[in-house]
């Protein structure tokens, strides 16, 4: 399947997430709506993994580039952050630890589920 078609699928789901964010008065980011919709579509089988795999792998490959802008912004505004450096670092460390734990547990569960499917 072509990259353009795969990108259109992902973009369409992202657009639906944007619409939900616009019309629903909930404090949930549009990207979260999009990820949940994509997850449900993959889970149900509306979208097959093979239909978006190549483009999703590419987007994951270039994802670190997306952090360059915010990192530069933090460096430029370091003077504003220096007054609250300890709480800022504490929040970053705690949230990073939490994300690592949740990601590890999720990955282990998915690996066990995949092993059960192969048996």
N, C-alpha and C. Protein backbone atom coordinates (compact mmCIF):
# COMPACT_ATOMS: atom_id res chain seq x y z
N UNK A 1 0.85 -1.17 0.00
CA UNK A 1 0.00 0.00 0.00
C UNK A 1 0.89 1.24 0.00
N UNK A 2 0.54 2.24 -0.76
CA UNK A 2 1.38 3.42 -0.91
C UNK A 2 1.43 4.28 0.33
N UNK A 3 2.56 4.97 0.45
CA UNK A 3 2.75 5.86 1.59
C UNK A 3 1.67 6.93 1.66
N UNK A 4 1.28 7.44 0.50
CA UNK A 4 0.28 8.51 0.47
C UNK A 4 -1.06 8.02 1.03
N UNK A 5 -1.47 6.83 0.62
CA UNK A 5 -2.74 6.29 1.13
C UNK A 5 -2.66 6.03 2.63
N UNK A 6 -1.53 5.50 3.10
CA UNK A 6 -1.35 5.26 4.53
C UNK A 6 -1.38 6.57 5.30
N UNK A 7 -0.72 7.58 4.75
CA UNK A 7 -0.72 8.88 5.41
C UNK A 7 -2.12 9.50 5.42
N UNK A 8 -2.89 9.26 4.36
CA UNK A 8 -4.27 9.77 4.32
C UNK A 8 -5.12 9.11 5.40
N UNK A 9 -4.92 7.82 5.66
CA UNK A 9 -5.66 7.14 6.71
C UNK A 9 -5.34 7.77 8.06
N UNK A 10 -4.05 7.92 8.35
CA UNK A 10 -3.64 8.50 9.63
C UNK A 10 -4.11 9.94 9.75
N UNK A 11 -4.01 10.71 8.66
CA UNK A 11 -4.45 12.10 8.68
C UNK A 11 -5.97 12.20 8.86
N UNK A 12 -6.70 11.30 8.24
CA UNK A 12 -8.15 11.30 8.38
C UNK A 12 -8.58 11.04 9.82
N UNK A 13 -7.93 10.11 10.46
CA UNK A 13 -8.25 9.82 11.86
C UNK A 13 -7.86 11.01 12.74
N UNK A 14 -6.74 11.65 12.43
CA UNK A 14 -6.33 12.84 13.17
C UNK A 14 -7.36 13.95 12.99
N UNK A 15 -7.88 14.09 11.78
CA UNK A 15 -8.90 15.11 11.52
C UNK A 15 -10.17 14.82 12.30
N UNK A 16 -10.58 13.57 12.36
CA UNK A 16 -11.75 13.20 13.16
C UNK A 16 -11.52 13.54 14.63
N UNK A 17 -10.30 13.31 15.12
CA UNK A 17 -9.96 13.69 16.49
C UNK A 17 -10.07 15.19 16.70
N UNK A 18 -9.65 15.97 15.71
CA UNK A 18 -9.77 17.43 15.78
C UNK A 18 -11.24 17.85 15.83
N UNK A 19 -12.07 17.19 15.02
CA UNK A 19 -13.50 17.51 15.03
C UNK A 19 -14.13 17.19 16.39
N UNK A 20 -13.78 16.04 16.95
CA UNK A 20 -14.31 15.68 18.27
C UNK A 20 -13.88 16.70 19.32
N UNK A 21 -12.63 17.13 19.24
CA UNK A 21 -12.13 18.13 20.20
C UNK A 21 -12.90 19.44 20.05
N UNK A 22 -13.23 19.79 18.82
CA UNK A 22 -13.95 21.04 18.57
C UNK A 22 -15.39 20.98 19.06
N UNK A 23 -16.06 19.83 18.84
CA UNK A 23 -17.47 19.74 19.16
C UNK A 23 -17.78 19.25 20.58
N UNK A 24 -16.89 18.50 21.19
CA UNK A 24 -17.14 18.01 22.55
C UNK A 24 -16.50 18.95 23.56
N UNK A 25 -17.25 19.37 24.56
CA UNK A 25 -16.71 20.33 25.53
C UNK A 25 -15.90 19.65 26.65
N UNK A 26 -15.03 18.73 26.28
CA UNK A 26 -14.21 18.03 27.26
C UNK A 26 -12.77 18.52 27.17
N UNK A 27 -12.05 18.55 28.28
CA UNK A 27 -10.66 19.03 28.25
C UNK A 27 -9.68 17.93 27.81
N UNK A 28 -9.97 17.32 26.67
CA UNK A 28 -9.13 16.24 26.14
C UNK A 28 -8.51 16.74 24.84
N UNK A 29 -7.19 16.64 24.69
CA UNK A 29 -6.55 17.10 23.45
C UNK A 29 -7.02 16.29 22.24
N UNK A 30 -7.02 16.94 21.10
CA UNK A 30 -7.45 16.30 19.86
C UNK A 30 -6.58 15.10 19.52
N UNK A 31 -5.31 15.17 19.84
CA UNK A 31 -4.41 14.06 19.52
C UNK A 31 -4.79 12.81 20.31
N UNK A 32 -5.29 12.99 21.53
CA UNK A 32 -5.72 11.84 22.32
C UNK A 32 -6.95 11.20 21.70
N UNK A 33 -7.88 12.04 21.26
CA UNK A 33 -9.05 11.50 20.55
C UNK A 33 -8.60 10.68 19.34
N UNK A 34 -7.68 11.24 18.56
CA UNK A 34 -7.19 10.55 17.37
C UNK A 34 -6.53 9.22 17.71
N UNK A 35 -5.69 9.21 18.76
CA UNK A 35 -5.02 7.96 19.14
C UNK A 35 -6.02 6.91 19.60
N UNK A 36 -7.04 7.33 20.33
CA UNK A 36 -8.05 6.38 20.81
C UNK A 36 -8.85 5.83 19.62
N UNK A 37 -9.21 6.69 18.69
CA UNK A 37 -9.94 6.23 17.50
C UNK A 37 -9.09 5.25 16.71
N UNK A 38 -7.81 5.57 16.50
CA UNK A 38 -6.93 4.67 15.76
C UNK A 38 -6.77 3.34 16.49
N UNK A 39 -6.63 3.39 17.81
CA UNK A 39 -6.50 2.17 18.60
C UNK A 39 -7.74 1.29 18.45
N UNK A 40 -8.91 1.91 18.56
CA UNK A 40 -10.16 1.15 18.43
C UNK A 40 -10.29 0.57 17.03
N UNK A 41 -9.95 1.35 16.01
CA UNK A 41 -10.02 0.84 14.63
C UNK A 41 -9.07 -0.33 14.42
N UNK A 42 -7.88 -0.26 15.01
CA UNK A 42 -6.94 -1.38 14.90
C UNK A 42 -7.44 -2.59 15.69
N UNK A 43 -8.01 -2.33 16.86
CA UNK A 43 -8.49 -3.41 17.72
C UNK A 43 -9.66 -4.16 17.07
N UNK A 44 -10.59 -3.41 16.53
CA UNK A 44 -11.77 -4.01 15.90
C UNK A 44 -11.42 -4.65 14.57
N UNK A 45 -10.44 -4.12 13.87
CA UNK A 45 -10.06 -4.65 12.58
C UNK A 45 -10.51 -3.81 11.41
N UNK A 46 -11.05 -2.64 11.70
CA UNK A 46 -11.45 -1.73 10.62
C UNK A 46 -10.22 -1.35 9.80
N UNK A 47 -9.13 -1.09 10.51
CA UNK A 47 -7.84 -0.81 9.88
C UNK A 47 -6.90 -1.92 10.27
N UNK A 48 -6.23 -2.48 9.29
CA UNK A 48 -5.24 -3.52 9.55
C UNK A 48 -3.89 -2.86 9.80
N UNK A 49 -3.08 -3.49 10.64
CA UNK A 49 -1.76 -2.94 10.95
C UNK A 49 -0.93 -2.75 9.68
N UNK A 50 -1.03 -3.69 8.76
CA UNK A 50 -0.25 -3.62 7.52
C UNK A 50 -0.62 -2.41 6.67
N UNK A 51 -1.85 -1.91 6.85
CA UNK A 51 -2.32 -0.79 6.05
C UNK A 51 -1.65 0.53 6.42
N UNK A 52 -1.09 0.64 7.62
CA UNK A 52 -0.47 1.89 8.04
C UNK A 52 0.94 1.71 8.59
N UNK A 53 1.45 0.48 8.57
CA UNK A 53 2.72 0.18 9.23
C UNK A 53 3.90 0.98 8.71
N UNK A 54 4.07 1.05 7.38
CA UNK A 54 5.23 1.73 6.82
C UNK A 54 5.25 3.22 7.18
N UNK A 55 4.11 3.88 7.04
CA UNK A 55 4.04 5.31 7.36
C UNK A 55 4.17 5.54 8.86
N UNK A 56 3.56 4.68 9.66
CA UNK A 56 3.68 4.82 11.12
C UNK A 56 5.13 4.64 11.56
N UNK A 57 5.83 3.67 10.96
CA UNK A 57 7.25 3.48 11.28
C UNK A 57 8.06 4.72 10.91
N UNK A 58 7.74 5.32 9.75
CA UNK A 58 8.45 6.53 9.33
C UNK A 58 8.19 7.68 10.30
N UNK A 59 6.92 7.85 10.70
CA UNK A 59 6.59 8.93 11.63
C UNK A 59 7.27 8.73 12.98
N UNK A 60 7.37 7.48 13.43
CA UNK A 60 8.10 7.20 14.67
C UNK A 60 9.59 7.48 14.51
N UNK A 61 10.12 7.24 13.32
CA UNK A 61 11.54 7.48 13.06
C UNK A 61 11.88 8.97 13.14
N UNK A 62 11.00 9.83 12.63
CA UNK A 62 11.29 11.27 12.64
C UNK A 62 10.75 11.99 13.88
N UNK A 63 10.11 11.26 14.79
CA UNK A 63 9.52 11.89 15.97
C UNK A 63 10.52 12.70 16.80
N UNK A 64 11.77 12.26 16.98
CA UNK A 64 12.69 13.09 17.78
C UNK A 64 12.88 14.51 17.24
N UNK A 65 12.72 14.68 15.93
CA UNK A 65 12.86 16.01 15.34
C UNK A 65 11.81 16.96 15.91
N UNK A 66 10.65 16.41 16.27
CA UNK A 66 9.56 17.24 16.80
C UNK A 66 9.89 17.82 18.18
N UNK A 67 10.89 17.28 18.85
CA UNK A 67 11.24 17.78 20.17
C UNK A 67 12.29 18.90 20.12
N UNK A 68 12.81 19.19 18.93
CA UNK A 68 13.83 20.23 18.80
C UNK A 68 13.24 21.60 19.15
N UNK A 69 12.09 21.92 18.59
CA UNK A 69 11.45 23.23 18.84
C UNK A 69 11.18 23.49 20.32
N UNK A 70 10.48 22.57 21.00
CA UNK A 70 10.23 22.79 22.42
C UNK A 70 11.53 22.87 23.24
N UNK A 71 12.53 22.12 22.86
CA UNK A 71 13.80 22.16 23.60
C UNK A 71 14.46 23.52 23.45
N UNK A 72 14.42 24.07 22.25
CA UNK A 72 14.97 25.41 22.03
C UNK A 72 14.18 26.43 22.82
N UNK A 73 12.87 26.27 22.86
CA UNK A 73 12.03 27.18 23.65
C UNK A 73 12.39 27.16 25.13
N UNK A 74 12.66 25.97 25.67
CA UNK A 74 13.06 25.86 27.08
C UNK A 74 14.40 26.55 27.29
N UNK A 75 15.32 26.36 26.36
CA UNK A 75 16.65 26.98 26.50
C UNK A 75 16.55 28.50 26.41
N UNK A 76 15.69 29.01 25.51
CA UNK A 76 15.54 30.45 25.37
C UNK A 76 14.89 31.08 26.60
N UNK A 77 13.99 30.37 27.25
CA UNK A 77 13.27 30.90 28.41
C UNK A 77 13.82 30.36 29.72
N UNK A 78 15.07 29.96 29.73
CA UNK A 78 15.66 29.40 30.94
C UNK A 78 15.63 30.40 32.09
N UNK A 79 15.77 31.68 31.79
CA UNK A 79 15.71 32.70 32.84
C UNK A 79 14.38 32.70 33.57
N UNK A 80 13.30 32.49 32.85
CA UNK A 80 11.98 32.42 33.48
C UNK A 80 11.83 31.15 34.31
N UNK A 81 12.46 30.08 33.86
CA UNK A 81 12.34 28.80 34.56
C UNK A 81 13.29 28.67 35.74
N UNK A 82 14.35 29.46 35.76
CA UNK A 82 15.37 29.29 36.80
C UNK A 82 14.82 29.50 38.21
N UNK A 83 13.80 30.31 38.35
CA UNK A 83 13.19 30.53 39.67
C UNK A 83 12.45 29.31 40.19
N UNK A 84 11.98 28.50 39.28
CA UNK A 84 11.21 27.31 39.65
C UNK A 84 11.91 26.05 39.15
N UNK A 85 13.24 26.07 39.17
CA UNK A 85 14.00 24.97 38.60
C UNK A 85 13.81 23.66 39.36
N UNK A 86 13.81 23.71 40.69
CA UNK A 86 13.65 22.48 41.49
C UNK A 86 12.28 21.83 41.25
N UNK A 87 11.18 22.58 41.36
CA UNK A 87 9.88 21.93 41.07
C UNK A 87 9.78 21.43 39.63
N UNK A 88 10.35 22.18 38.68
CA UNK A 88 10.33 21.79 37.29
C UNK A 88 11.07 20.47 37.10
N UNK A 89 12.25 20.36 37.65
CA UNK A 89 13.03 19.12 37.54
C UNK A 89 12.34 17.95 38.24
N UNK A 90 11.72 18.23 39.39
CA UNK A 90 11.01 17.17 40.12
C UNK A 90 9.85 16.63 39.28
N UNK A 91 9.11 17.53 38.66
CA UNK A 91 7.99 17.11 37.82
C UNK A 91 8.49 16.29 36.63
N UNK A 92 9.57 16.74 36.01
CA UNK A 92 10.13 16.02 34.86
C UNK A 92 10.60 14.63 35.28
N UNK A 93 11.29 14.53 36.40
CA UNK A 93 11.80 13.23 36.85
C UNK A 93 10.67 12.27 37.22
N UNK A 94 9.70 12.77 37.97
CA UNK A 94 8.58 11.91 38.39
C UNK A 94 7.76 11.45 37.18
N UNK A 95 7.46 12.37 36.29
CA UNK A 95 6.65 11.99 35.13
C UNK A 95 7.43 11.05 34.20
N UNK A 96 8.73 11.26 34.06
CA UNK A 96 9.54 10.35 33.24
C UNK A 96 9.55 8.95 33.84
N UNK A 97 9.74 8.86 35.15
CA UNK A 97 9.73 7.57 35.82
C UNK A 97 8.39 6.88 35.64
N UNK A 98 7.30 7.62 35.82
CA UNK A 98 5.95 7.07 35.68
C UNK A 98 5.73 6.55 34.25
N UNK A 99 6.14 7.33 33.26
CA UNK A 99 5.97 6.91 31.86
C UNK A 99 6.78 5.66 31.57
N UNK A 100 8.00 5.59 32.09
CA UNK A 100 8.84 4.41 31.86
C UNK A 100 8.21 3.16 32.47
N UNK A 101 7.67 3.28 33.69
CA UNK A 101 7.05 2.14 34.36
C UNK A 101 5.81 1.67 33.59
N UNK A 102 4.95 2.59 33.23
CA UNK A 102 3.72 2.24 32.52
C UNK A 102 4.05 1.64 31.15
N UNK A 103 5.02 2.21 30.45
CA UNK A 103 5.42 1.68 29.15
C UNK A 103 6.00 0.28 29.29
N UNK A 104 6.83 0.06 30.30
CA UNK A 104 7.40 -1.27 30.51
C UNK A 104 6.35 -2.32 30.82
N UNK A 105 5.43 -1.98 31.70
CA UNK A 105 4.36 -2.92 32.06
C UNK A 105 3.49 -3.23 30.83
N UNK A 106 3.16 -2.19 30.06
CA UNK A 106 2.35 -2.38 28.87
C UNK A 106 3.07 -3.25 27.85
N UNK A 107 4.35 -3.00 27.63
CA UNK A 107 5.12 -3.79 26.66
C UNK A 107 5.20 -5.25 27.10
N UNK A 108 5.42 -5.49 28.39
CA UNK A 108 5.47 -6.87 28.87
C UNK A 108 4.13 -7.58 28.68
N UNK A 109 3.06 -6.87 28.98
CA UNK A 109 1.73 -7.47 28.81
C UNK A 109 1.46 -7.79 27.35
N UNK A 110 1.83 -6.88 26.46
CA UNK A 110 1.62 -7.12 25.04
C UNK A 110 2.46 -8.29 24.54
N UNK A 111 3.69 -8.42 25.03
CA UNK A 111 4.54 -9.53 24.63
C UNK A 111 3.98 -10.86 25.11
N UNK A 112 3.45 -10.88 26.35
CA UNK A 112 2.84 -12.11 26.86
C UNK A 112 1.60 -12.47 26.06
N UNK A 113 0.78 -11.47 25.73
CA UNK A 113 -0.42 -11.73 24.93
C UNK A 113 -0.05 -12.27 23.55
N UNK A 114 1.01 -11.73 22.95
CA UNK A 114 1.44 -12.18 21.63
C UNK A 114 1.98 -13.61 21.70
N UNK A 115 2.69 -13.93 22.77
CA UNK A 115 3.18 -15.31 22.94
C UNK A 115 2.01 -16.28 23.07
N UNK A 116 0.96 -15.88 23.81
CA UNK A 116 -0.21 -16.74 23.96
C UNK A 116 -0.90 -16.95 22.62
N UNK A 117 -0.93 -15.94 21.77
CA UNK A 117 -1.56 -16.07 20.45
C UNK A 117 -0.79 -17.05 19.57
N UNK A 118 0.54 -17.07 19.69
CA UNK A 118 1.35 -17.97 18.87
C UNK A 118 1.24 -19.42 19.32
N UNK A 119 0.86 -19.64 20.57
CA UNK A 119 0.75 -21.02 21.09
C UNK A 119 -0.53 -21.69 20.70
